[in-house]
N, C-alpha and C. Protein backbone atom coordinates (compact mmCIF):
# COMPACT_ATOMS: atom_id res chain seq x y z
N UNK A 1 91.75 206.39 -83.25
CA UNK A 1 90.44 206.75 -83.75
C UNK A 1 89.44 205.66 -83.40
N UNK A 2 88.26 206.08 -82.97
CA UNK A 2 87.22 205.11 -82.62
C UNK A 2 86.57 204.57 -83.89
N UNK A 3 86.17 203.31 -83.83
CA UNK A 3 85.69 202.62 -85.03
C UNK A 3 84.31 202.01 -84.78
N UNK A 4 83.41 202.29 -85.69
CA UNK A 4 82.09 201.64 -85.69
C UNK A 4 81.99 200.75 -86.93
N UNK A 5 81.64 199.49 -86.69
CA UNK A 5 81.39 198.55 -87.78
C UNK A 5 79.87 198.44 -87.91
N UNK A 6 79.35 198.91 -89.03
CA UNK A 6 77.90 198.95 -89.21
C UNK A 6 77.43 197.81 -90.12
N UNK A 7 76.12 197.59 -90.09
CA UNK A 7 75.54 196.55 -90.92
C UNK A 7 75.68 195.16 -90.32
N UNK A 8 75.69 195.09 -88.98
CA UNK A 8 75.78 193.79 -88.30
C UNK A 8 74.42 193.08 -88.38
N UNK A 9 74.44 191.84 -88.86
CA UNK A 9 73.19 191.08 -89.01
C UNK A 9 73.19 189.75 -88.27
N UNK A 10 74.33 189.39 -87.65
CA UNK A 10 74.39 188.11 -86.96
C UNK A 10 75.43 188.17 -85.84
N UNK A 11 75.34 187.23 -84.92
CA UNK A 11 76.20 187.21 -83.74
C UNK A 11 77.67 187.01 -84.10
N UNK A 12 77.95 186.12 -85.04
CA UNK A 12 79.35 185.84 -85.39
C UNK A 12 80.04 187.09 -85.91
N UNK A 13 79.35 187.86 -86.76
CA UNK A 13 79.94 189.10 -87.26
C UNK A 13 80.10 190.13 -86.14
N UNK A 14 79.15 190.15 -85.22
CA UNK A 14 79.25 191.07 -84.09
C UNK A 14 80.50 190.77 -83.27
N UNK A 15 80.72 189.50 -82.96
CA UNK A 15 81.88 189.14 -82.16
C UNK A 15 83.18 189.28 -82.93
N UNK A 16 83.14 189.05 -84.23
CA UNK A 16 84.31 189.30 -85.07
C UNK A 16 84.75 190.75 -84.92
N UNK A 17 83.78 191.67 -85.03
CA UNK A 17 84.09 193.10 -84.93
C UNK A 17 84.60 193.46 -83.53
N UNK A 18 83.95 192.93 -82.50
CA UNK A 18 84.37 193.20 -81.12
C UNK A 18 85.78 192.68 -80.88
N UNK A 19 86.04 191.45 -81.28
CA UNK A 19 87.35 190.85 -81.07
C UNK A 19 88.45 191.58 -81.86
N UNK A 20 88.06 192.19 -82.98
CA UNK A 20 89.03 192.95 -83.78
C UNK A 20 89.36 194.29 -83.15
N UNK A 21 88.51 194.73 -82.19
CA UNK A 21 88.78 195.98 -81.49
C UNK A 21 87.83 197.11 -81.80
N UNK A 22 86.70 196.82 -82.47
CA UNK A 22 85.72 197.86 -82.78
C UNK A 22 85.14 198.43 -81.49
N UNK A 23 84.89 199.72 -81.48
CA UNK A 23 84.30 200.40 -80.33
C UNK A 23 82.78 200.35 -80.35
N UNK A 24 82.20 200.23 -81.54
CA UNK A 24 80.75 200.27 -81.69
C UNK A 24 80.31 199.36 -82.83
N UNK A 25 79.10 198.83 -82.66
CA UNK A 25 78.46 198.00 -83.69
C UNK A 25 77.19 198.70 -84.14
N UNK A 26 76.91 198.64 -85.44
CA UNK A 26 75.72 199.27 -85.97
C UNK A 26 74.70 198.25 -86.47
N UNK A 27 73.45 198.43 -86.04
CA UNK A 27 72.35 197.57 -86.45
C UNK A 27 71.35 198.41 -87.23
N UNK A 28 71.05 198.00 -88.46
CA UNK A 28 70.22 198.81 -89.36
C UNK A 28 68.75 198.42 -89.19
N UNK A 29 67.98 199.32 -88.59
CA UNK A 29 66.55 199.08 -88.37
C UNK A 29 65.72 199.75 -89.48
N UNK A 30 66.18 199.67 -90.70
CA UNK A 30 65.50 200.26 -91.85
C UNK A 30 65.14 199.12 -92.80
N UNK A 31 63.86 198.75 -92.87
CA UNK A 31 63.47 197.53 -93.60
C UNK A 31 63.87 197.49 -95.07
N UNK A 32 64.07 198.64 -95.69
CA UNK A 32 64.41 198.64 -97.12
C UNK A 32 65.91 198.44 -97.37
N UNK A 33 66.70 198.35 -96.31
CA UNK A 33 68.13 198.13 -96.46
C UNK A 33 68.45 196.64 -96.61
N UNK A 34 69.43 196.30 -97.48
CA UNK A 34 69.85 194.90 -97.57
C UNK A 34 70.55 194.43 -96.29
N UNK A 35 70.88 195.38 -95.39
CA UNK A 35 71.52 195.04 -94.13
C UNK A 35 70.54 195.12 -92.96
N UNK A 36 69.26 195.11 -93.28
CA UNK A 36 68.23 195.23 -92.23
C UNK A 36 68.30 194.07 -91.25
N UNK A 37 68.10 194.40 -89.98
CA UNK A 37 67.91 193.39 -88.95
C UNK A 37 66.73 193.81 -88.10
N UNK A 38 65.86 192.86 -87.80
CA UNK A 38 64.71 193.17 -86.96
C UNK A 38 65.20 193.52 -85.56
N UNK A 39 64.60 194.52 -84.92
CA UNK A 39 65.04 194.89 -83.57
C UNK A 39 65.05 193.72 -82.59
N UNK A 40 64.10 192.80 -82.72
CA UNK A 40 64.06 191.65 -81.81
C UNK A 40 65.26 190.74 -82.03
N UNK A 41 65.71 190.59 -83.28
CA UNK A 41 66.90 189.79 -83.56
C UNK A 41 68.15 190.51 -83.06
N UNK A 42 68.19 191.83 -83.24
CA UNK A 42 69.32 192.60 -82.70
C UNK A 42 69.39 192.44 -81.19
N UNK A 43 68.24 192.45 -80.54
CA UNK A 43 68.20 192.28 -79.08
C UNK A 43 68.84 190.96 -78.66
N UNK A 44 68.58 189.89 -79.41
CA UNK A 44 69.15 188.57 -79.08
C UNK A 44 70.68 188.60 -79.20
N UNK A 45 71.18 189.32 -80.21
CA UNK A 45 72.63 189.44 -80.36
C UNK A 45 73.22 190.29 -79.25
N UNK A 46 72.59 191.44 -79.01
CA UNK A 46 73.09 192.40 -78.02
C UNK A 46 73.15 191.77 -76.63
N UNK A 47 72.19 190.91 -76.31
CA UNK A 47 72.14 190.28 -74.99
C UNK A 47 73.37 189.41 -74.72
N UNK A 48 74.04 188.96 -75.78
CA UNK A 48 75.20 188.07 -75.62
C UNK A 48 76.53 188.79 -75.79
N UNK A 49 76.49 190.10 -76.03
CA UNK A 49 77.73 190.85 -76.26
C UNK A 49 78.43 191.17 -74.94
N UNK A 50 79.75 191.32 -74.97
CA UNK A 50 80.47 191.73 -73.76
C UNK A 50 80.19 193.20 -73.44
N UNK A 51 80.52 193.63 -72.23
CA UNK A 51 80.31 195.04 -71.88
C UNK A 51 81.30 195.96 -72.58
N UNK A 52 81.04 197.26 -72.46
CA UNK A 52 81.91 198.32 -72.98
C UNK A 52 81.94 198.40 -74.50
N UNK A 53 80.88 197.92 -75.15
CA UNK A 53 80.75 198.05 -76.60
C UNK A 53 79.48 198.86 -76.86
N UNK A 54 79.61 199.95 -77.63
CA UNK A 54 78.44 200.76 -77.97
C UNK A 54 77.59 200.00 -79.00
N UNK A 55 76.28 199.95 -78.75
CA UNK A 55 75.35 199.29 -79.65
C UNK A 55 74.46 200.35 -80.29
N UNK A 56 74.61 200.56 -81.59
CA UNK A 56 73.96 201.67 -82.28
C UNK A 56 72.87 201.14 -83.21
N UNK A 57 71.67 201.68 -83.07
CA UNK A 57 70.58 201.34 -83.98
C UNK A 57 70.37 202.46 -84.97
N UNK A 58 70.29 202.12 -86.25
CA UNK A 58 70.12 203.11 -87.32
C UNK A 58 68.65 203.20 -87.71
N UNK A 59 68.11 204.41 -87.64
CA UNK A 59 66.69 204.64 -87.93
C UNK A 59 66.52 205.59 -89.11
N UNK A 60 65.52 205.31 -89.95
CA UNK A 60 65.17 206.16 -91.08
C UNK A 60 63.67 206.40 -91.08
N UNK A 61 63.30 207.67 -91.14
CA UNK A 61 61.89 208.07 -91.28
C UNK A 61 60.97 207.41 -90.25
N UNK A 62 61.34 207.54 -88.99
CA UNK A 62 60.51 207.03 -87.89
C UNK A 62 60.14 208.19 -86.97
N UNK A 63 59.02 208.05 -86.27
CA UNK A 63 58.62 209.05 -85.28
C UNK A 63 59.53 208.96 -84.06
N UNK A 64 59.66 210.07 -83.35
CA UNK A 64 60.53 210.11 -82.17
C UNK A 64 60.13 209.06 -81.14
N UNK A 65 58.83 208.92 -80.90
CA UNK A 65 58.35 207.97 -79.89
C UNK A 65 58.68 206.53 -80.30
N UNK A 66 58.55 206.24 -81.59
CA UNK A 66 58.85 204.90 -82.09
C UNK A 66 60.33 204.59 -81.94
N UNK A 67 61.16 205.56 -82.24
CA UNK A 67 62.61 205.38 -82.09
C UNK A 67 62.96 205.07 -80.64
N UNK A 68 62.41 205.86 -79.72
CA UNK A 68 62.72 205.67 -78.30
C UNK A 68 62.28 204.30 -77.82
N UNK A 69 61.07 203.86 -78.21
CA UNK A 69 60.57 202.56 -77.77
C UNK A 69 61.40 201.43 -78.35
N UNK A 70 61.68 201.50 -79.64
CA UNK A 70 62.49 200.46 -80.29
C UNK A 70 63.88 200.41 -79.68
N UNK A 71 64.44 201.57 -79.40
CA UNK A 71 65.78 201.63 -78.80
C UNK A 71 65.80 200.92 -77.45
N UNK A 72 64.82 201.26 -76.61
CA UNK A 72 64.78 200.63 -75.28
C UNK A 72 64.52 199.13 -75.38
N UNK A 73 63.61 198.73 -76.25
CA UNK A 73 63.25 197.31 -76.36
C UNK A 73 64.38 196.46 -76.92
N UNK A 74 65.18 197.03 -77.82
CA UNK A 74 66.20 196.25 -78.52
C UNK A 74 67.52 196.16 -77.74
N UNK A 75 67.70 197.05 -76.76
CA UNK A 75 68.93 197.02 -75.98
C UNK A 75 70.06 197.84 -76.58
N UNK A 76 69.78 198.62 -77.64
CA UNK A 76 70.84 199.48 -78.16
C UNK A 76 71.14 200.58 -77.14
N UNK A 77 72.29 201.20 -77.30
CA UNK A 77 72.70 202.25 -76.37
C UNK A 77 72.70 203.63 -77.02
N UNK A 78 72.55 203.67 -78.35
CA UNK A 78 72.58 204.93 -79.08
C UNK A 78 71.72 204.80 -80.34
N UNK A 79 70.89 205.81 -80.60
CA UNK A 79 70.03 205.82 -81.79
C UNK A 79 70.64 206.74 -82.84
N UNK A 80 71.00 206.16 -83.98
CA UNK A 80 71.55 206.94 -85.09
C UNK A 80 70.40 207.41 -85.97
N UNK A 81 70.21 208.72 -86.06
CA UNK A 81 69.06 209.30 -86.76
C UNK A 81 69.51 209.63 -88.18
N UNK A 82 69.23 208.70 -89.10
CA UNK A 82 69.78 208.78 -90.45
C UNK A 82 68.78 209.38 -91.44
N UNK A 83 68.16 210.47 -91.04
CA UNK A 83 67.29 211.22 -91.95
C UNK A 83 67.24 212.65 -91.47
N UNK A 84 66.66 213.53 -92.29
CA UNK A 84 66.73 214.96 -92.02
C UNK A 84 65.78 215.36 -90.89
N UNK A 85 66.36 215.82 -89.80
CA UNK A 85 65.59 216.24 -88.63
C UNK A 85 66.20 217.53 -88.09
N UNK A 86 65.54 218.11 -87.09
CA UNK A 86 66.08 219.30 -86.44
C UNK A 86 66.38 219.00 -84.98
N UNK A 87 66.89 219.99 -84.29
CA UNK A 87 67.26 219.82 -82.88
C UNK A 87 66.06 219.40 -82.03
N UNK A 88 64.90 219.99 -82.32
CA UNK A 88 63.69 219.68 -81.54
C UNK A 88 63.35 218.20 -81.66
N UNK A 89 63.51 217.64 -82.85
CA UNK A 89 63.23 216.21 -83.03
C UNK A 89 64.21 215.38 -82.21
N UNK A 90 65.48 215.72 -82.26
CA UNK A 90 66.48 214.97 -81.51
C UNK A 90 66.17 214.98 -80.02
N UNK A 91 65.76 216.13 -79.51
CA UNK A 91 65.40 216.24 -78.09
C UNK A 91 64.16 215.42 -77.77
N UNK A 92 63.24 215.34 -78.74
CA UNK A 92 61.98 214.62 -78.52
C UNK A 92 62.16 213.11 -78.44
N UNK A 93 63.27 212.61 -78.96
CA UNK A 93 63.49 211.16 -78.92
C UNK A 93 63.63 210.66 -77.48
N UNK A 94 64.18 211.48 -76.60
CA UNK A 94 64.36 211.11 -75.19
C UNK A 94 65.13 209.81 -75.03
N UNK A 95 66.22 209.72 -75.81
CA UNK A 95 67.15 208.60 -75.77
C UNK A 95 68.44 209.15 -76.36
N UNK A 96 69.61 208.64 -75.97
CA UNK A 96 70.85 209.15 -76.57
C UNK A 96 70.82 209.00 -78.10
N UNK A 97 71.12 210.09 -78.80
CA UNK A 97 71.02 210.10 -80.26
C UNK A 97 72.33 210.53 -80.91
N UNK A 98 72.51 210.07 -82.13
CA UNK A 98 73.62 210.48 -82.98
C UNK A 98 73.02 210.95 -84.30
N UNK A 99 72.94 212.28 -84.53
CA UNK A 99 72.40 212.75 -85.80
C UNK A 99 73.37 212.50 -86.94
N UNK A 100 72.80 212.30 -88.12
CA UNK A 100 73.59 212.09 -89.32
C UNK A 100 73.40 213.27 -90.26
N UNK A 101 74.51 213.80 -90.75
CA UNK A 101 74.49 214.84 -91.78
C UNK A 101 74.81 214.17 -93.10
N UNK A 102 73.85 214.20 -94.01
CA UNK A 102 74.08 213.66 -95.36
C UNK A 102 74.55 214.84 -96.22
N UNK A 103 75.85 215.04 -96.23
CA UNK A 103 76.44 216.29 -96.73
C UNK A 103 76.45 216.38 -98.25
N UNK A 104 75.93 217.50 -98.74
CA UNK A 104 76.00 217.82 -100.17
C UNK A 104 77.07 218.86 -100.46
N UNK A 105 77.38 219.68 -99.44
CA UNK A 105 78.32 220.81 -99.62
C UNK A 105 79.02 221.06 -98.28
N UNK A 106 80.16 221.76 -98.30
CA UNK A 106 80.90 222.00 -97.06
C UNK A 106 80.08 222.70 -95.98
N UNK A 107 79.17 223.57 -96.36
CA UNK A 107 78.36 224.30 -95.38
C UNK A 107 77.51 223.36 -94.51
N UNK A 108 77.19 222.19 -95.05
CA UNK A 108 76.37 221.24 -94.29
C UNK A 108 77.06 220.77 -93.02
N UNK A 109 78.39 220.87 -92.98
CA UNK A 109 79.14 220.38 -91.82
C UNK A 109 78.87 221.22 -90.57
N UNK A 110 78.28 222.39 -90.73
CA UNK A 110 77.98 223.25 -89.59
C UNK A 110 76.75 222.79 -88.82
N UNK A 111 75.94 221.92 -89.42
CA UNK A 111 74.73 221.45 -88.74
C UNK A 111 75.10 220.65 -87.49
N UNK A 112 74.28 220.79 -86.46
CA UNK A 112 74.47 220.06 -85.19
C UNK A 112 75.87 220.26 -84.62
N UNK A 113 76.42 221.46 -84.79
CA UNK A 113 77.80 221.73 -84.40
C UNK A 113 78.06 221.49 -82.91
N UNK A 114 77.03 221.60 -82.08
CA UNK A 114 77.21 221.38 -80.65
C UNK A 114 77.14 219.94 -80.23
N UNK A 115 76.91 219.05 -81.18
CA UNK A 115 76.73 217.63 -80.87
C UNK A 115 77.79 216.77 -81.57
N UNK A 116 77.99 215.58 -81.03
CA UNK A 116 78.68 214.57 -81.81
C UNK A 116 77.73 214.18 -82.93
N UNK A 117 78.29 214.05 -84.17
CA UNK A 117 77.44 213.71 -85.29
C UNK A 117 78.23 212.89 -86.30
N UNK A 118 77.49 212.15 -87.09
CA UNK A 118 78.08 211.34 -88.15
C UNK A 118 77.88 212.09 -89.46
N UNK A 119 78.93 212.18 -90.26
CA UNK A 119 78.84 212.86 -91.55
C UNK A 119 79.06 211.83 -92.65
N UNK A 120 78.08 211.73 -93.54
CA UNK A 120 78.10 210.78 -94.64
C UNK A 120 77.90 211.55 -95.94
N UNK A 121 78.30 210.95 -97.04
CA UNK A 121 78.07 211.57 -98.35
C UNK A 121 76.59 211.46 -98.69
N UNK A 122 76.03 212.52 -99.25
CA UNK A 122 74.62 212.50 -99.62
C UNK A 122 74.39 211.51 -100.77
N UNK A 123 73.31 210.76 -100.66
CA UNK A 123 72.84 209.94 -101.77
C UNK A 123 71.32 209.87 -101.67
N UNK A 124 70.67 209.50 -102.74
CA UNK A 124 69.20 209.47 -102.76
C UNK A 124 68.65 208.46 -101.77
N UNK A 125 69.32 207.31 -101.67
CA UNK A 125 68.89 206.32 -100.69
C UNK A 125 69.50 206.63 -99.33
N UNK A 126 69.49 205.64 -98.45
CA UNK A 126 70.00 205.85 -97.10
C UNK A 126 71.06 204.81 -96.77
N UNK A 127 72.31 205.27 -96.72
CA UNK A 127 73.38 204.42 -96.20
C UNK A 127 73.91 203.38 -97.18
N UNK A 128 75.16 203.02 -96.99
CA UNK A 128 75.76 201.93 -97.74
C UNK A 128 75.96 202.21 -99.22
N UNK A 129 76.04 203.48 -99.61
CA UNK A 129 76.20 203.82 -101.02
C UNK A 129 77.64 203.67 -101.48
N UNK A 130 78.57 203.72 -100.54
CA UNK A 130 79.98 203.64 -100.90
C UNK A 130 80.54 204.95 -101.44
N UNK A 131 79.76 206.02 -101.40
CA UNK A 131 80.23 207.32 -101.89
C UNK A 131 81.17 207.95 -100.87
N UNK A 132 82.24 208.58 -101.36
CA UNK A 132 83.22 209.22 -100.50
C UNK A 132 82.92 210.71 -100.36
N UNK A 133 83.28 211.24 -99.22
CA UNK A 133 83.23 212.69 -99.00
C UNK A 133 84.56 213.31 -99.42
N UNK A 134 84.51 214.58 -99.81
CA UNK A 134 85.73 215.29 -100.16
C UNK A 134 86.44 215.69 -98.86
N UNK A 135 87.60 215.12 -98.60
CA UNK A 135 88.29 215.38 -97.34
C UNK A 135 88.73 216.84 -97.21
N UNK A 136 88.89 217.52 -98.33
CA UNK A 136 89.28 218.94 -98.22
C UNK A 136 88.22 219.78 -97.53
N UNK A 137 86.97 219.31 -97.49
CA UNK A 137 85.92 220.02 -96.76
C UNK A 137 86.26 220.13 -95.27
N UNK A 138 87.07 219.21 -94.76
CA UNK A 138 87.35 219.12 -93.33
C UNK A 138 88.65 219.81 -92.93
N UNK A 139 89.37 220.35 -93.90
CA UNK A 139 90.65 221.00 -93.59
C UNK A 139 90.44 222.28 -92.80
N UNK A 140 91.26 222.49 -91.76
CA UNK A 140 91.20 223.70 -90.96
C UNK A 140 89.98 223.81 -90.07
N UNK A 141 89.30 222.70 -89.83
CA UNK A 141 88.10 222.69 -88.98
C UNK A 141 88.38 221.89 -87.70
N UNK A 142 87.53 222.11 -86.71
CA UNK A 142 87.54 221.24 -85.53
C UNK A 142 86.64 220.05 -85.84
N UNK A 143 87.24 218.91 -86.06
CA UNK A 143 86.50 217.69 -86.41
C UNK A 143 86.39 216.72 -85.24
N UNK A 144 86.65 217.21 -84.03
CA UNK A 144 86.74 216.32 -82.87
C UNK A 144 85.40 215.73 -82.45
N UNK A 145 84.30 216.23 -82.99
CA UNK A 145 82.98 215.65 -82.69
C UNK A 145 82.36 215.01 -83.93
N UNK A 146 83.18 214.75 -84.94
CA UNK A 146 82.67 214.18 -86.18
C UNK A 146 83.12 212.74 -86.34
N UNK A 147 82.15 211.90 -86.68
CA UNK A 147 82.40 210.52 -87.09
C UNK A 147 82.20 210.50 -88.60
N UNK A 148 83.22 210.14 -89.33
CA UNK A 148 83.14 210.20 -90.79
C UNK A 148 82.77 208.83 -91.36
N UNK A 149 81.92 208.85 -92.38
CA UNK A 149 81.45 207.63 -93.02
C UNK A 149 81.44 207.84 -94.53
N UNK A 150 81.22 206.77 -95.25
CA UNK A 150 81.05 206.87 -96.69
C UNK A 150 82.24 206.37 -97.49
N UNK A 151 82.11 205.17 -98.03
CA UNK A 151 83.13 204.65 -98.94
C UNK A 151 84.45 204.30 -98.31
N UNK A 152 84.47 204.08 -97.02
CA UNK A 152 85.73 203.75 -96.35
C UNK A 152 86.06 202.26 -96.46
N UNK A 153 87.34 201.97 -96.50
CA UNK A 153 87.83 200.59 -96.52
C UNK A 153 89.24 200.58 -95.94
N UNK A 154 89.80 199.40 -95.78
CA UNK A 154 91.17 199.34 -95.25
C UNK A 154 92.16 199.95 -96.24
N UNK A 155 91.78 200.02 -97.52
CA UNK A 155 92.68 200.59 -98.53
C UNK A 155 92.77 202.11 -98.44
N UNK A 156 91.73 202.77 -97.90
CA UNK A 156 91.76 204.24 -97.90
C UNK A 156 91.61 204.89 -96.52
N UNK A 157 91.39 204.11 -95.48
CA UNK A 157 91.12 204.71 -94.16
C UNK A 157 92.30 205.54 -93.66
N UNK A 158 93.51 205.19 -94.06
CA UNK A 158 94.67 205.96 -93.60
C UNK A 158 94.69 207.38 -94.15
N UNK A 159 93.88 207.66 -95.18
CA UNK A 159 93.76 209.02 -95.71
C UNK A 159 93.12 209.96 -94.69
N UNK A 160 92.46 209.40 -93.66
CA UNK A 160 91.81 210.22 -92.63
C UNK A 160 92.80 210.79 -91.62
N UNK A 161 94.04 210.34 -91.69
CA UNK A 161 95.05 210.79 -90.73
C UNK A 161 95.25 212.29 -90.79
N UNK A 162 95.32 212.92 -89.62
CA UNK A 162 95.61 214.33 -89.53
C UNK A 162 94.41 215.25 -89.49
N UNK A 163 93.21 214.70 -89.68
CA UNK A 163 92.01 215.54 -89.68
C UNK A 163 91.37 215.65 -88.29
N UNK A 164 91.77 214.79 -87.37
CA UNK A 164 91.26 214.88 -86.00
C UNK A 164 89.83 214.41 -85.82
N UNK A 165 89.37 213.49 -86.65
CA UNK A 165 88.02 212.96 -86.49
C UNK A 165 87.89 212.19 -85.19
N UNK A 166 86.72 212.26 -84.57
CA UNK A 166 86.46 211.46 -83.37
C UNK A 166 86.46 209.98 -83.73
N UNK A 167 85.87 209.65 -84.88
CA UNK A 167 85.79 208.25 -85.25
C UNK A 167 85.42 208.08 -86.71
N UNK A 168 85.34 206.82 -87.12
CA UNK A 168 84.94 206.49 -88.48
C UNK A 168 83.94 205.34 -88.43
N UNK A 169 83.15 205.26 -89.49
CA UNK A 169 82.06 204.29 -89.59
C UNK A 169 82.19 203.58 -90.92
N UNK A 170 82.20 202.25 -90.90
CA UNK A 170 82.34 201.48 -92.13
C UNK A 170 81.28 200.39 -92.18
N UNK A 171 80.78 200.13 -93.38
CA UNK A 171 79.84 199.04 -93.58
C UNK A 171 80.29 198.20 -94.77
N UNK A 172 80.00 198.67 -95.98
CA UNK A 172 80.29 197.88 -97.17
C UNK A 172 81.78 197.57 -97.32
N UNK A 173 82.65 198.43 -96.82
CA UNK A 173 84.09 198.22 -96.95
C UNK A 173 84.63 197.07 -96.13
N UNK A 174 83.78 196.45 -95.31
CA UNK A 174 84.22 195.29 -94.52
C UNK A 174 83.38 194.05 -94.84
N UNK A 175 82.70 194.06 -95.98
CA UNK A 175 81.78 192.96 -96.29
C UNK A 175 82.33 191.98 -97.31
N UNK A 176 81.90 190.72 -97.15
CA UNK A 176 82.07 189.70 -98.18
C UNK A 176 80.88 189.76 -99.13
N UNK A 177 79.71 190.06 -98.58
CA UNK A 177 78.46 190.26 -99.33
C UNK A 177 77.59 191.14 -98.46
N UNK A 178 76.56 191.74 -99.02
CA UNK A 178 75.73 192.66 -98.25
C UNK A 178 75.15 191.94 -97.03
N UNK A 179 75.47 192.48 -95.85
CA UNK A 179 74.98 191.89 -94.61
C UNK A 179 75.87 190.80 -94.04
N UNK A 180 76.99 190.50 -94.71
CA UNK A 180 77.92 189.47 -94.22
C UNK A 180 79.34 190.04 -94.22
N UNK A 181 80.01 189.96 -93.09
CA UNK A 181 81.34 190.54 -92.95
C UNK A 181 82.43 189.59 -93.43
N UNK A 182 83.50 190.18 -93.92
CA UNK A 182 84.70 189.45 -94.30
C UNK A 182 85.70 189.59 -93.15
N UNK A 183 86.07 188.51 -92.49
CA UNK A 183 86.94 188.60 -91.31
C UNK A 183 88.23 189.38 -91.56
N UNK A 184 88.88 189.12 -92.68
CA UNK A 184 90.14 189.80 -92.96
C UNK A 184 89.93 191.30 -93.16
N UNK A 185 88.86 191.68 -93.85
CA UNK A 185 88.58 193.10 -94.09
C UNK A 185 88.26 193.81 -92.78
N UNK A 186 87.51 193.15 -91.91
CA UNK A 186 87.17 193.76 -90.61
C UNK A 186 88.43 193.97 -89.79
N UNK A 187 89.23 192.93 -89.66
CA UNK A 187 90.44 193.03 -88.82
C UNK A 187 91.41 194.09 -89.38
N UNK A 188 91.58 194.11 -90.69
CA UNK A 188 92.53 195.05 -91.27
C UNK A 188 92.03 196.48 -91.17
N UNK A 189 90.72 196.67 -91.36
CA UNK A 189 90.17 198.03 -91.23
C UNK A 189 90.38 198.55 -89.82
N UNK A 190 90.01 197.76 -88.83
CA UNK A 190 90.14 198.21 -87.44
C UNK A 190 91.61 198.47 -87.11
N UNK A 191 92.49 197.58 -87.54
CA UNK A 191 93.91 197.74 -87.23
C UNK A 191 94.42 199.07 -87.80
N UNK A 192 94.10 199.35 -89.05
CA UNK A 192 94.61 200.57 -89.67
C UNK A 192 93.96 201.82 -89.08
N UNK A 193 92.66 201.76 -88.83
CA UNK A 193 91.97 202.93 -88.27
C UNK A 193 92.49 203.25 -86.88
N UNK A 194 92.76 202.21 -86.10
CA UNK A 194 93.23 202.41 -84.72
C UNK A 194 94.67 202.95 -84.67
N UNK A 195 95.39 202.83 -85.77
CA UNK A 195 96.76 203.31 -85.81
C UNK A 195 96.84 204.80 -86.11
N UNK A 196 95.70 205.41 -86.45
CA UNK A 196 95.70 206.84 -86.84
C UNK A 196 95.72 207.75 -85.62
């Protein structure tokens, strides 16, 4: 299973995740998040990263043009659209995008069915709530284009086995404090997720 470590705020944590075997790093470009990183600071980190690592920027309530410009300027390779949008908006970004479904009910999983998408548990705020999704929602479905997020940690990631998810996304479950990674938690999460 592919693994994204989100909430990267510094170079050391970025390299910790890469060295542990993460496939993607997430940079939160949402100023109200405790894991916020300025796009210019993310660019400095990204410039020093090795190749073959996906660099994902998380956007909330931004215009399509702003997302595209920030994405190009910061050096990210994928824009995670973490707010409610439609297909037309995703197309208007004119940059590779990953839509997020903030799921309230099983029917929500049908949104963006033709795309790779990230599915997170709905909460009033955006991201990092630690809320879990009901895994029974995913039974008997094709989950091969779904990246699952929400409340994951090394203690529970093995519960994802058998659902056929494309990948998983973790933030708070690998932290020592908000915006700071715990090396042991990162390594153990990646090890267990990669064994699925």
